[in-house]
Amino acid sequence: DNPIDHEVLGPKTIREFLREKGIPEDAVAICICNGDKV
């Protein structure tokens, strides 16, 4: 079910957030934040 809004307790990096959600880092190739590759 996505896109979906998430509450984040931070500060937190994208890497930390994805790890919390159970998404393996080696499965991720590209991160886009607010339209910019980051």
Full PDB file with SEQRES, HELIX, SHEET, SSBOND, CRYST1, ORIGX, SCALE, CONECT and MASTER records, all heavy atoms in Angstrom:
SEQRES   1 A   38  ASP ASN PRO ILE ASP HIS GLU VAL LEU GLY PRO LYS THR          
SEQRES   2 A   38  ILE ARG GLU PHE LEU ARG GLU LYS GLY ILE PRO GLU ASP          
SEQRES   3 A   38  ALA VAL ALA ILE CYS ILE CYS ASN GLY ASP LYS VAL              
HELIX    1 AA1 ILE A   14  GLU A   20  1                                   7    
HELIX    2 AA2 GLU A   25  ALA A   27  5                                   3    
SHEET    1 AA1 2 ILE A  32  CYS A  33  0                                        
SHEET    2 AA1 2 ASP A  36  LYS A  37 -1                                        
CRYST1    1.000    1.000    1.000  90.00  90.00  90.00 P 1           1          
ORIGX1      1.000000  0.000000  0.000000        0.00000                         
ORIGX2      0.000000  1.000000  0.000000        0.00000                         
ORIGX3      0.000000  0.000000  1.000000        0.00000                         
SCALE1      1.000000  0.000000  0.000000        0.00000                         
SCALE2      0.000000  1.000000  0.000000        0.00000                         
SCALE3      0.000000  0.000000  1.000000        0.00000                         
ATOM      1  N   ASP A   1       0.856  -1.193   0.000  1.00  0.00           N  
ATOM      2  CA  ASP A   1       0.000   0.000   0.000  1.00  0.00           C  
ATOM      3  C   ASP A   1       0.883   1.229   0.000  1.00  0.00           C  
ATOM      4  O   ASP A   1       1.322   1.682   1.049  1.00  0.00           O  
ATOM      5  CB  ASP A   1      -0.914   0.020   1.230  1.00  0.00           C  
ATOM      6  CG  ASP A   1      -1.880  -1.138   1.238  1.00  0.00           C  
ATOM      7  OD1 ASP A   1      -2.274  -1.575   0.142  1.00  0.00           O  
ATOM      8  OD2 ASP A   1      -2.210  -1.611   2.324  1.00  0.00           O  
ATOM      9  N   ASN A   2       1.155   1.750  -1.186  1.00  0.00           N  
ATOM     10  CA  ASN A   2       1.976   2.947  -1.220  1.00  0.00           C  
ATOM     11  C   ASN A   2       1.622   3.756  -2.449  1.00  0.00           C  
ATOM     12  O   ASN A   2       1.080   3.203  -3.406  1.00  0.00           O  
ATOM     13  CB  ASN A   2       3.459   2.575  -1.090  1.00  0.00           C  
ATOM     14  CG  ASN A   2       4.146   2.079  -2.345  1.00  0.00           C  
ATOM     15  OD1 ASN A   2       4.844   2.829  -2.979  1.00  0.00           O  
ATOM     16  ND2 ASN A   2       3.971   0.823  -2.703  1.00  0.00           N  
ATOM     17  N   PRO A   3       1.813   5.072  -2.486  1.00  0.00           N  
ATOM     18  CA  PRO A   3       2.551   5.808  -1.466  1.00  0.00           C  
ATOM     19  C   PRO A   3       1.760   5.896  -0.165  1.00  0.00           C  
ATOM     20  O   PRO A   3       0.538   5.815  -0.170  1.00  0.00           O  
ATOM     21  CB  PRO A   3       2.765   7.192  -2.081  1.00  0.00           C  
ATOM     22  CG  PRO A   3       1.647   7.349  -3.052  1.00  0.00           C  
ATOM     23  CD  PRO A   3       1.325   5.953  -3.551  1.00  0.00           C  
ATOM     24  N   ILE A   4       2.492   6.075   0.901  1.00  0.00           N  
ATOM     25  CA  ILE A   4       1.866   6.177   2.214  1.00  0.00           C  
ATOM     26  C   ILE A   4       2.674   7.130   3.080  1.00  0.00           C  
ATOM     27  O   ILE A   4       3.891   7.228   2.949  1.00  0.00           O  
ATOM     28  CB  ILE A   4       1.746   4.777   2.871  1.00  0.00           C  
ATOM     29  CG1 ILE A   4       0.853   4.821   4.093  1.00  0.00           C  
ATOM     30  CG2 ILE A   4       3.097   4.216   3.197  1.00  0.00           C  
ATOM     31  CD1 ILE A   4       0.395   3.454   4.560  1.00  0.00           C  
ATOM     32  N   ASP A   5       1.982   7.864   3.934  1.00  0.00           N  
ATOM     33  CA  ASP A   5       2.652   8.771   4.856  1.00  0.00           C  
ATOM     34  C   ASP A   5       3.100   7.995   6.085  1.00  0.00           C  
ATOM     35  O   ASP A   5       2.393   7.111   6.571  1.00  0.00           O  
ATOM     36  CB  ASP A   5       1.711   9.897   5.291  1.00  0.00           C  
ATOM     37  CG  ASP A   5       1.407  10.866   4.158  1.00  0.00           C  
ATOM     38  OD1 ASP A   5       2.216  10.956   3.218  1.00  0.00           O  
ATOM     39  OD2 ASP A   5       0.364  11.526   4.206  1.00  0.00           O  
ATOM     40  N   HIS A   6       4.282   8.321   6.556  1.00  0.00           N  
ATOM     41  CA  HIS A   6       4.854   7.682   7.736  1.00  0.00           C  
ATOM     42  C   HIS A   6       5.272   8.743   8.739  1.00  0.00           C  
ATOM     43  O   HIS A   6       5.780   9.784   8.348  1.00  0.00           O  
ATOM     44  CB  HIS A   6       6.114   6.873   7.378  1.00  0.00           C  
ATOM     45  CG  HIS A   6       5.834   5.688   6.540  1.00  0.00           C  
ATOM     46  ND1 HIS A   6       5.544   4.458   7.064  1.00  0.00           N  
ATOM     47  CD2 HIS A   6       5.796   5.544   5.192  1.00  0.00           C  
ATOM     48  CE1 HIS A   6       5.348   3.603   6.082  1.00  0.00           C  
ATOM     49  NE2 HIS A   6       5.494   4.235   4.933  1.00  0.00           N  
ATOM     50  N   GLU A   7       5.078   8.413  10.013  1.00  0.00           N  
ATOM     51  CA  GLU A   7       5.625   9.273  11.050  1.00  0.00           C  
ATOM     52  C   GLU A   7       7.047   8.802  11.334  1.00  0.00           C  
ATOM     53  O   GLU A   7       7.305   7.611  11.451  1.00  0.00           O  
ATOM     54  CB  GLU A   7       4.796   9.204  12.318  1.00  0.00           C  
ATOM     55  CG  GLU A   7       5.313  10.163  13.380  1.00  0.00           C  
ATOM     56  CD  GLU A   7       4.416  10.213  14.588  1.00  0.00           C  
ATOM     57  OE1 GLU A   7       4.602   9.367  15.477  1.00  0.00           O  
ATOM     58  OE2 GLU A   7       3.541  11.076  14.624  1.00  0.00           O  
ATOM     59  N   VAL A   8       7.952   9.742  11.405  1.00  0.00           N  
ATOM     60  CA  VAL A   8       9.360   9.451  11.648  1.00  0.00           C  
ATOM     61  C   VAL A   8       9.774  10.159  12.925  1.00  0.00           C  
ATOM     62  O   VAL A   8       9.470  11.336  13.107  1.00  0.00           O  
ATOM     63  CB  VAL A   8      10.229   9.963  10.470  1.00  0.00           C  
ATOM     64  CG1 VAL A   8      11.699   9.740  10.753  1.00  0.00           C  
ATOM     65  CG2 VAL A   8       9.815   9.295   9.171  1.00  0.00           C  
ATOM     66  N   LEU A   9      10.451   9.427  13.798  1.00  0.00           N  
ATOM     67  CA  LEU A   9      11.056  10.050  14.971  1.00  0.00           C  
ATOM     68  C   LEU A   9      12.517  10.259  14.634  1.00  0.00           C  
ATOM     69  O   LEU A   9      13.226   9.325  14.280  1.00  0.00           O  
ATOM     70  CB  LEU A   9      10.907   9.164  16.205  1.00  0.00           C  
ATOM     71  CG  LEU A   9       9.474   8.944  16.666  1.00  0.00           C  
ATOM     72  CD1 LEU A   9       9.443   7.982  17.843  1.00  0.00           C  
ATOM     73  CD2 LEU A   9       8.815  10.254  17.039  1.00  0.00           C  
ATOM     74  N   GLY A  10      12.965  11.486  14.696  1.00  0.00           N  
ATOM     75  CA  GLY A  10      14.301  11.766  14.193  1.00  0.00           C  
ATOM     76  C   GLY A  10      15.112  12.607  15.141  1.00  0.00           C  
ATOM     77  O   GLY A  10      14.702  12.847  16.258  1.00  0.00           O  
ATOM     78  N   PRO A  11      16.248  13.014  14.638  1.00  0.00           N  
ATOM     79  CA  PRO A  11      16.654  12.941  13.241  1.00  0.00           C  
ATOM     80  C   PRO A  11      16.994  11.516  12.815  1.00  0.00           C  
ATOM     81  O   PRO A  11      17.443  10.703  13.612  1.00  0.00           O  
ATOM     82  CB  PRO A  11      17.885  13.840  13.161  1.00  0.00           C  
ATOM     83  CG  PRO A  11      18.447  13.844  14.531  1.00  0.00           C  
ATOM     84  CD  PRO A  11      17.283  13.669  15.464  1.00  0.00           C  
ATOM     85  N   LYS A  12      16.752  11.245  11.514  1.00  0.00           N  
ATOM     86  CA  LYS A  12      16.976   9.915  10.972  1.00  0.00           C  
ATOM     87  C   LYS A  12      17.368  10.033   9.504  1.00  0.00           C  
ATOM     88  O   LYS A  12      16.815  10.851   8.783  1.00  0.00           O  
ATOM     89  CB  LYS A  12      15.694   9.107  11.108  1.00  0.00           C  
ATOM     90  CG  LYS A  12      15.843   7.653  10.833  1.00  0.00           C  
ATOM     91  CD  LYS A  12      14.633   6.919  11.375  1.00  0.00           C  
ATOM     92  CE  LYS A  12      14.721   6.960  12.885  1.00  0.00           C  
ATOM     93  NZ  LYS A  12      13.656   6.420  13.602  1.00  0.00           N  
ATOM     94  N   THR A  13      18.311   9.200   9.081  1.00  0.00           N  
ATOM     95  CA  THR A  13      18.685   9.168   7.666  1.00  0.00           C  
ATOM     96  C   THR A  13      17.721   8.258   6.904  1.00  0.00           C  
ATOM     97  O   THR A  13      16.995   7.454   7.505  1.00  0.00           O  
ATOM     98  CB  THR A  13      20.115   8.626   7.463  1.00  0.00           C  
ATOM     99  OG1 THR A  13      20.153   7.254   7.881  1.00  0.00           O  
ATOM    100  CG2 THR A  13      21.148   9.454   8.219  1.00  0.00           C  
ATOM    101  N   ILE A  14      17.765   8.368   5.587  1.00  0.00           N  
ATOM    102  CA  ILE A  14      16.965   7.473   4.751  1.00  0.00           C  
ATOM    103  C   ILE A  14      17.348   6.030   5.053  1.00  0.00           C  
ATOM    104  O   ILE A  14      16.485   5.170   5.219  1.00  0.00           O  
ATOM    105  CB  ILE A  14      17.179   7.795   3.265  1.00  0.00           C  
ATOM    106  CG1 ILE A  14      16.588   9.169   2.930  1.00  0.00           C  
ATOM    107  CG2 ILE A  14      16.572   6.711   2.376  1.00  0.00           C  
ATOM    108  CD1 ILE A  14      16.926   9.694   1.551  1.00  0.00           C  
ATOM    109  N   ARG A  15      18.635   5.755   5.157  1.00  0.00           N  
ATOM    110  CA  ARG A  15      19.125   4.401   5.449  1.00  0.00           C  
ATOM    111  C   ARG A  15      18.524   3.865   6.750  1.00  0.00           C  
ATOM    112  O   ARG A  15      18.049   2.734   6.820  1.00  0.00           O  
ATOM    113  CB  ARG A  15      20.650   4.417   5.540  1.00  0.00           C  
ATOM    114  CG  ARG A  15      21.266   3.080   5.883  1.00  0.00           C  
ATOM    115  CD  ARG A  15      22.781   3.135   6.008  1.00  0.00           C  
ATOM    116  NE  ARG A  15      23.451   3.915   5.191  1.00  0.00           N  
ATOM    117  CZ  ARG A  15      23.831   4.042   3.890  1.00  0.00           C  
ATOM    118  NH1 ARG A  15      23.750   3.545   3.320  1.00  0.00           N  
ATOM    119  NH2 ARG A  15      24.397   4.745   3.108  1.00  0.00           N  
ATOM    120  N   GLU A  16      18.537   4.669   7.805  1.00  0.00           N  
ATOM    121  CA  GLU A  16      17.984   4.252   9.102  1.00  0.00           C  
ATOM    122  C   GLU A  16      16.483   4.017   9.002  1.00  0.00           C  
ATOM    123  O   GLU A  16      15.959   3.049   9.568  1.00  0.00           O  
ATOM    124  CB  GLU A  16      18.283   5.313  10.157  1.00  0.00           C  
ATOM    125  CG  GLU A  16      19.751   5.421  10.497  1.00  0.00           C  
ATOM    126  CD  GLU A  16      20.087   6.678  11.287  1.00  0.00           C  
ATOM    127  OE1 GLU A  16      19.409   7.725  11.126  1.00  0.00           O  
ATOM    128  OE2 GLU A  16      21.054   6.614  12.060  1.00  0.00           O  
ATOM    129  N   PHE A  17      15.800   4.897   8.295  1.00  0.00           N  
ATOM    130  CA  PHE A  17      14.354   4.764   8.128  1.00  0.00           C  
ATOM    131  C   PHE A  17      14.004   3.468   7.396  1.00  0.00           C  
ATOM    132  O   PHE A  17      13.127   2.722   7.820  1.00  0.00           O  
ATOM    133  CB  PHE A  17      13.813   5.986   7.379  1.00  0.00           C  
ATOM    134  CG  PHE A  17      12.369   5.871   7.005  1.00  0.00           C  
ATOM    135  CD1 PHE A  17      11.381   5.925   7.970  1.00  0.00           C  
ATOM    136  CD2 PHE A  17      11.991   5.712   5.682  1.00  0.00           C  
ATOM    137  CE1 PHE A  17      10.036   5.820   7.634  1.00  0.00           C  
ATOM    138  CE2 PHE A  17      10.664   5.612   5.327  1.00  0.00           C  
ATOM    139  CZ  PHE A  17       9.685   5.666   6.307  1.00  0.00           C  
ATOM    140  N   LEU A  18      14.697   3.192   6.289  1.00  0.00           N  
ATOM    141  CA  LEU A  18      14.425   1.979   5.524  1.00  0.00           C  
ATOM    142  C   LEU A  18      14.737   0.729   6.338  1.00  0.00           C  
ATOM    143  O   LEU A  18      13.995  -0.256   6.295  1.00  0.00           O  
ATOM    144  CB  LEU A  18      15.213   1.983   4.212  1.00  0.00           C  
ATOM    145  CG  LEU A  18      14.805   3.063   3.213  1.00  0.00           C  
ATOM    146  CD1 LEU A  18      15.712   3.030   1.998  1.00  0.00           C  
ATOM    147  CD2 LEU A  18      13.344   2.932   2.819  1.00  0.00           C  
ATOM    148  N   ARG A  19      15.804   0.770   7.102  1.00  0.00           N  
ATOM    149  CA  ARG A  19      16.157  -0.367   7.966  1.00  0.00           C  
ATOM    150  C   ARG A  19      15.023  -0.624   8.974  1.00  0.00           C  
ATOM    151  O   ARG A  19      14.644  -1.768   9.214  1.00  0.00           O  
ATOM    152  CB  ARG A  19      17.468  -0.079   8.688  1.00  0.00           C  
ATOM    153  CG  ARG A  19      18.029  -1.276   9.433  1.00  0.00           C  
ATOM    154  CD  ARG A  19      19.374  -0.985  10.086  1.00  0.00           C  
ATOM    155  NE  ARG A  19      20.354  -0.517   9.118  1.00  0.00           N  
ATOM    156  CZ  ARG A  19      21.134   0.546   9.289  1.00  0.00           C  
ATOM    157  NH1 ARG A  19      21.092   1.241  10.403  1.00  0.00           N  
ATOM    158  NH2 ARG A  19      21.997   0.902   8.365  1.00  0.00           N  
ATOM    159  N   GLU A  20      14.486   0.442   9.549  1.00  0.00           N  
ATOM    160  CA  GLU A  20      13.352   0.314  10.488  1.00  0.00           C  
ATOM    161  C   GLU A  20      12.149  -0.342   9.838  1.00  0.00           C  
ATOM    162  O   GLU A  20      11.393  -1.052  10.482  1.00  0.00           O  
ATOM    163  CB  GLU A  20      12.916   1.706  10.970  1.00  0.00           C  
ATOM    164  CG  GLU A  20      13.479   2.110  12.263  1.00  0.00           C  
ATOM    165  CD  GLU A  20      12.906   3.448  12.716  1.00  0.00           C  
ATOM    166  OE1 GLU A  20      11.876   3.911  12.198  1.00  0.00           O  
ATOM    167  OE2 GLU A  20      13.516   4.037  13.603  1.00  0.00           O  
ATOM    168  N   LYS A  21      11.956  -0.073   8.552  1.00  0.00           N  
ATOM    169  CA  LYS A  21      10.809  -0.611   7.818  1.00  0.00           C  
ATOM    170  C   LYS A  21      11.063  -2.017   7.295  1.00  0.00           C  
ATOM    171  O   LYS A  21      10.216  -2.616   6.653  1.00  0.00           O  
ATOM    172  CB  LYS A  21      10.424   0.309   6.652  1.00  0.00           C  
ATOM    173  CG  LYS A  21       9.993   1.687   7.093  1.00  0.00           C  
ATOM    174  CD  LYS A  21       8.773   1.601   7.976  1.00  0.00           C  
ATOM    175  CE  LYS A  21       8.347   2.952   8.500  1.00  0.00           C  
ATOM    176  NZ  LYS A  21       7.330   2.850   9.529  1.00  0.00           N  
ATOM    177  N   GLY A  22      12.283  -2.550   7.546  1.00  0.00           N  
ATOM    178  CA  GLY A  22      12.602  -3.909   7.138  1.00  0.00           C  
ATOM    179  C   GLY A  22      13.013  -4.043   5.685  1.00  0.00           C  
ATOM    180  O   GLY A  22      13.019  -5.148   5.142  1.00  0.00           O  
ATOM    181  N   ILE A  23      13.366  -2.944   5.044  1.00  0.00           N  
ATOM    182  CA  ILE A  23      13.770  -2.962   3.640  1.00  0.00           C  
ATOM    183  C   ILE A  23      15.293  -3.093   3.585  1.00  0.00           C  
ATOM    184  O   ILE A  23      16.008  -2.219   4.062  1.00  0.00           O  
ATOM    185  CB  ILE A  23      13.297  -1.679   2.921  1.00  0.00           C  
ATOM    186  CG1 ILE A  23      11.780  -1.597   3.009  1.00  0.00           C  
ATOM    187  CG2 ILE A  23      13.790  -1.656   1.482  1.00  0.00           C  
ATOM    188  CD1 ILE A  23      11.203  -0.263   2.589  1.00  0.00           C  
ATOM    189  N   PRO A  24      15.799  -4.190   3.015  1.00  0.00           N  
ATOM    190  CA  PRO A  24      17.247  -4.413   2.993  1.00  0.00           C  
ATOM    191  C   PRO A  24      17.977  -3.371   2.147  1.00  0.00           C  
ATOM    192  O   PRO A  24      17.553  -3.033   1.048  1.00  0.00           O  
ATOM    193  CB  PRO A  24      17.404  -5.798   2.365  1.00  0.00           C  
ATOM    194  CG  PRO A  24      16.053  -6.364   2.213  1.00  0.00           C  
ATOM    195  CD  PRO A  24      15.061  -5.277   2.397  1.00  0.00           C  
ATOM    196  N   GLU A  25      19.069  -2.904   2.673  1.00  0.00           N  
ATOM    197  CA  GLU A  25      19.845  -1.869   1.990  1.00  0.00           C  
ATOM    198  C   GLU A  25      20.328  -2.332   0.623  1.00  0.00           C  
ATOM    199  O   GLU A  25      20.354  -1.558  -0.328  1.00  0.00           O  
ATOM    200  CB  GLU A  25      21.033  -1.471   2.861  1.00  0.00           C  
ATOM    201  CG  GLU A  25      21.781  -0.281   2.342  1.00  0.00           C  
ATOM    202  CD  GLU A  25      22.847   0.199   3.315  1.00  0.00           C  
ATOM    203  OE1 GLU A  25      22.754  -0.083   4.515  1.00  0.00           O  
ATOM    204  OE2 GLU A  25      23.769   0.867   2.843  1.00  0.00           O  
ATOM    205  N   ASP A  26      20.680  -3.607   0.500  1.00  0.00           N  
ATOM    206  CA  ASP A  26      21.193  -4.086  -0.779  1.00  0.00           C  
ATOM    207  C   ASP A  26      20.111  -4.219  -1.851  1.00  0.00           C  
ATOM    208  O   ASP A  26      20.417  -4.458  -3.022  1.00  0.00           O  
ATOM    209  CB  ASP A  26      21.958  -5.400  -0.615  1.00  0.00           C  
ATOM    210  CG  ASP A  26      21.111  -6.541  -0.100  1.00  0.00           C  
ATOM    211  OD1 ASP A  26      19.921  -6.341   0.223  1.00  0.00           O  
ATOM    212  OD2 ASP A  26      21.635  -7.664  -0.013  1.00  0.00           O  
ATOM    213  N   ALA A  27      18.839  -4.040  -1.479  1.00  0.00           N  
ATOM    214  CA  ALA A  27      17.750  -4.062  -2.454  1.00  0.00           C  
ATOM    215  C   ALA A  27      17.495  -2.679  -3.056  1.00  0.00           C  
ATOM    216  O   ALA A  27      16.769  -2.540  -4.031  1.00  0.00           O  
ATOM    217  CB  ALA A  27      16.473  -4.585  -1.805  1.00  0.00           C  
ATOM    218  N   VAL A  28      18.088  -1.653  -2.450  1.00  0.00           N  
ATOM    219  CA  VAL A  28      17.840  -0.266  -2.858  1.00  0.00           C  
ATOM    220  C   VAL A  28      18.957   0.226  -3.773  1.00  0.00           C  
ATOM    221  O   VAL A  28      20.133   0.120  -3.444  1.00  0.00           O  
ATOM    222  CB  VAL A  28      17.740   0.646  -1.613  1.00  0.00           C  
ATOM    223  CG1 VAL A  28      17.626   2.100  -2.009  1.00  0.00           C  
ATOM    224  CG2 VAL A  28      16.557   0.222  -0.753  1.00  0.00           C  
ATOM    225  N   ALA A  29      18.553   0.779  -4.923  1.00  0.00           N  
ATOM    226  CA  ALA A  29      19.545   1.314  -5.862  1.00  0.00           C  
ATOM    227  C   ALA A  29      19.519   2.835  -5.914  1.00  0.00           C  
ATOM    228  O   ALA A  29      20.560   3.469  -5.972  1.00  0.00           O  
ATOM    229  CB  ALA A  29      19.303   0.752  -7.260  1.00  0.00           C  
ATOM    230  N   ILE A  30      18.330   3.417  -5.900  1.00  0.00           N  
ATOM    231  CA  ILE A  30      18.204   4.868  -6.079  1.00  0.00           C  
ATOM    232  C   ILE A  30      17.226   5.435  -5.058  1.00  0.00           C  
ATOM    233  O   ILE A  30      16.131   4.902  -4.869  1.00  0.00           O  
ATOM    234  CB  ILE A  30      17.714   5.214  -7.495  1.00  0.00           C  
ATOM    235  CG1 ILE A  30      18.717   4.715  -8.546  1.00  0.00           C  
ATOM    236  CG2 ILE A  30      17.491   6.717  -7.654  1.00  0.00           C  
ATOM    237  CD1 ILE A  30      18.232   4.825  -9.970  1.00  0.00           C  
ATOM    238  N   CYS A  31      17.630   6.536  -4.433  1.00  0.00           N  
ATOM    239  CA  CYS A  31      16.774   7.277  -3.510  1.00  0.00           C  
ATOM    240  C   CYS A  31      16.520   8.663  -4.121  1.00  0.00           C  
ATOM    241  O   CYS A  31      17.472   9.370  -4.447  1.00  0.00           O  
ATOM    242  CB  CYS A  31      17.446   7.454  -2.154  1.00  0.00           C  
ATOM    243  SG  CYS A  31      17.877   5.921  -1.325  1.00  0.00           S  
ATOM    244  N   ILE A  32      15.263   9.016  -4.236  1.00  0.00           N  
ATOM    245  CA  ILE A  32      14.874  10.334  -4.722  1.00  0.00           C  
ATOM    246  C   ILE A  32      14.117  11.023  -3.588  1.00  0.00           C  
ATOM    247  O   ILE A  32      13.138  10.489  -3.078  1.00  0.00           O  
ATOM    248  CB  ILE A  32      13.947  10.242  -5.962  1.00  0.00           C  
ATOM    249  CG1 ILE A  32      14.579   9.408  -7.072  1.00  0.00           C  
ATOM    250  CG2 ILE A  32      13.545  11.626  -6.444  1.00  0.00           C  
ATOM    251  CD1 ILE A  32      15.734  10.040  -7.781  1.00  0.00           C  
ATOM    252  N   CYS A  33      14.593  12.183  -3.184  1.00  0.00           N  
ATOM    253  CA  CYS A  33      13.936  12.936  -2.117  1.00  0.00           C  
ATOM    254  C   CYS A  33      13.554  14.309  -2.666  1.00  0.00           C  
ATOM    255  O   CYS A  33      14.436  15.049  -3.132  1.00  0.00           O  
ATOM    256  CB  CYS A  33      14.852  13.065  -0.911  1.00  0.00           C  
ATOM    257  SG  CYS A  33      14.042  13.789   0.529  1.00  0.00           S  
ATOM    258  N   ASN A  34      12.270  14.597  -2.666  1.00  0.00           N  
ATOM    259  CA  ASN A  34      11.751  15.872  -3.171  1.00  0.00           C  
ATOM    260  C   ASN A  34      12.228  16.152  -4.590  1.00  0.00           C  
ATOM    261  O   ASN A  34      12.557  17.275  -4.949  1.00  0.00           O  
ATOM    262  CB  ASN A  34      12.132  17.015  -2.230  1.00  0.00           C  
ATOM    263  CG  ASN A  34      11.650  16.781  -0.819  1.00  0.00           C  
ATOM    264  OD1 ASN A  34      10.576  16.222  -0.602  1.00  0.00           O  
ATOM    265  ND2 ASN A  34      12.453  17.145   0.154  1.00  0.00           N  
ATOM    266  N   GLY A  35      12.302  15.080  -5.399  1.00  0.00           N  
ATOM    267  CA  GLY A  35      12.657  15.224  -6.800  1.00  0.00           C  
ATOM    268  C   GLY A  35      14.137  15.190  -7.111  1.00  0.00           C  
ATOM    269  O   GLY A  35      14.524  15.233  -8.274  1.00  0.00           O  
ATOM    270  N   ASP A  36      14.995  15.088  -6.099  1.00  0.00           N  
ATOM    271  CA  ASP A  36      16.444  15.066  -6.314  1.00  0.00           C  
ATOM    272  C   ASP A  36      17.024  13.715  -5.911  1.00  0.00           C  
ATOM    273  O   ASP A  36      16.671  13.171  -4.858  1.00  0.00           O  
ATOM    274  CB  ASP A  36      17.138  16.146  -5.477  1.00  0.00           C  
ATOM    275  CG  ASP A  36      16.748  17.551  -5.898  1.00  0.00           C  
ATOM    276  OD1 ASP A  36      16.615  17.795  -7.109  1.00  0.00           O  
ATOM    277  OD2 ASP A  36      16.571  18.401  -4.998  1.00  0.00           O  
ATOM    278  N   LYS A  37      17.939  13.196  -6.724  1.00  0.00           N  
ATOM    279  CA  LYS A  37      18.636  11.963  -6.367  1.00  0.00           C  
ATOM    280  C   LYS A  37      19.566  12.275  -5.194  1.00  0.00           C  
ATOM    281  O   LYS A  37      20.327  13.244  -5.238  1.00  0.00           O  
ATOM    282  CB  LYS A  37      19.439  11.440  -7.552  1.00  0.00           C  
ATOM    283  CG  LYS A  37      20.095  10.107  -7.278  1.00  0.00           C  
ATOM    284  CD  LYS A  37      20.817   9.589  -8.505  1.00  0.00           C  
ATOM    285  CE  LYS A  37      21.521   8.288  -8.157  1.00  0.00           C  
ATOM    286  NZ  LYS A  37      22.296   7.777  -9.290  1.00  0.00           N  
ATOM    287  N   VAL A  38      19.468  11.454  -4.146  1.00  0.00           N  
ATOM    288  CA  VAL A  38      20.245  11.699  -2.929  1.00  0.00           C  
ATOM    289  C   VAL A  38      20.869  10.403  -2.429  1.00  0.00           C  
ATOM    290  O   VAL A  38      20.474   9.313  -2.816  1.00  0.00           O  
ATOM    291  CB  VAL A  38      19.364  12.309  -1.808  1.00  0.00           C  
ATOM    292  CG1 VAL A  38      18.821  13.670  -2.201  1.00  0.00           C  
ATOM    293  CG2 VAL A  38      18.234  11.363  -1.420  1.00  0.00           C  
TER     294      VAL A  38                                                      
MASTER        0    0    0    2    2    0    0    6  293    1    0    3          
END                                                                             
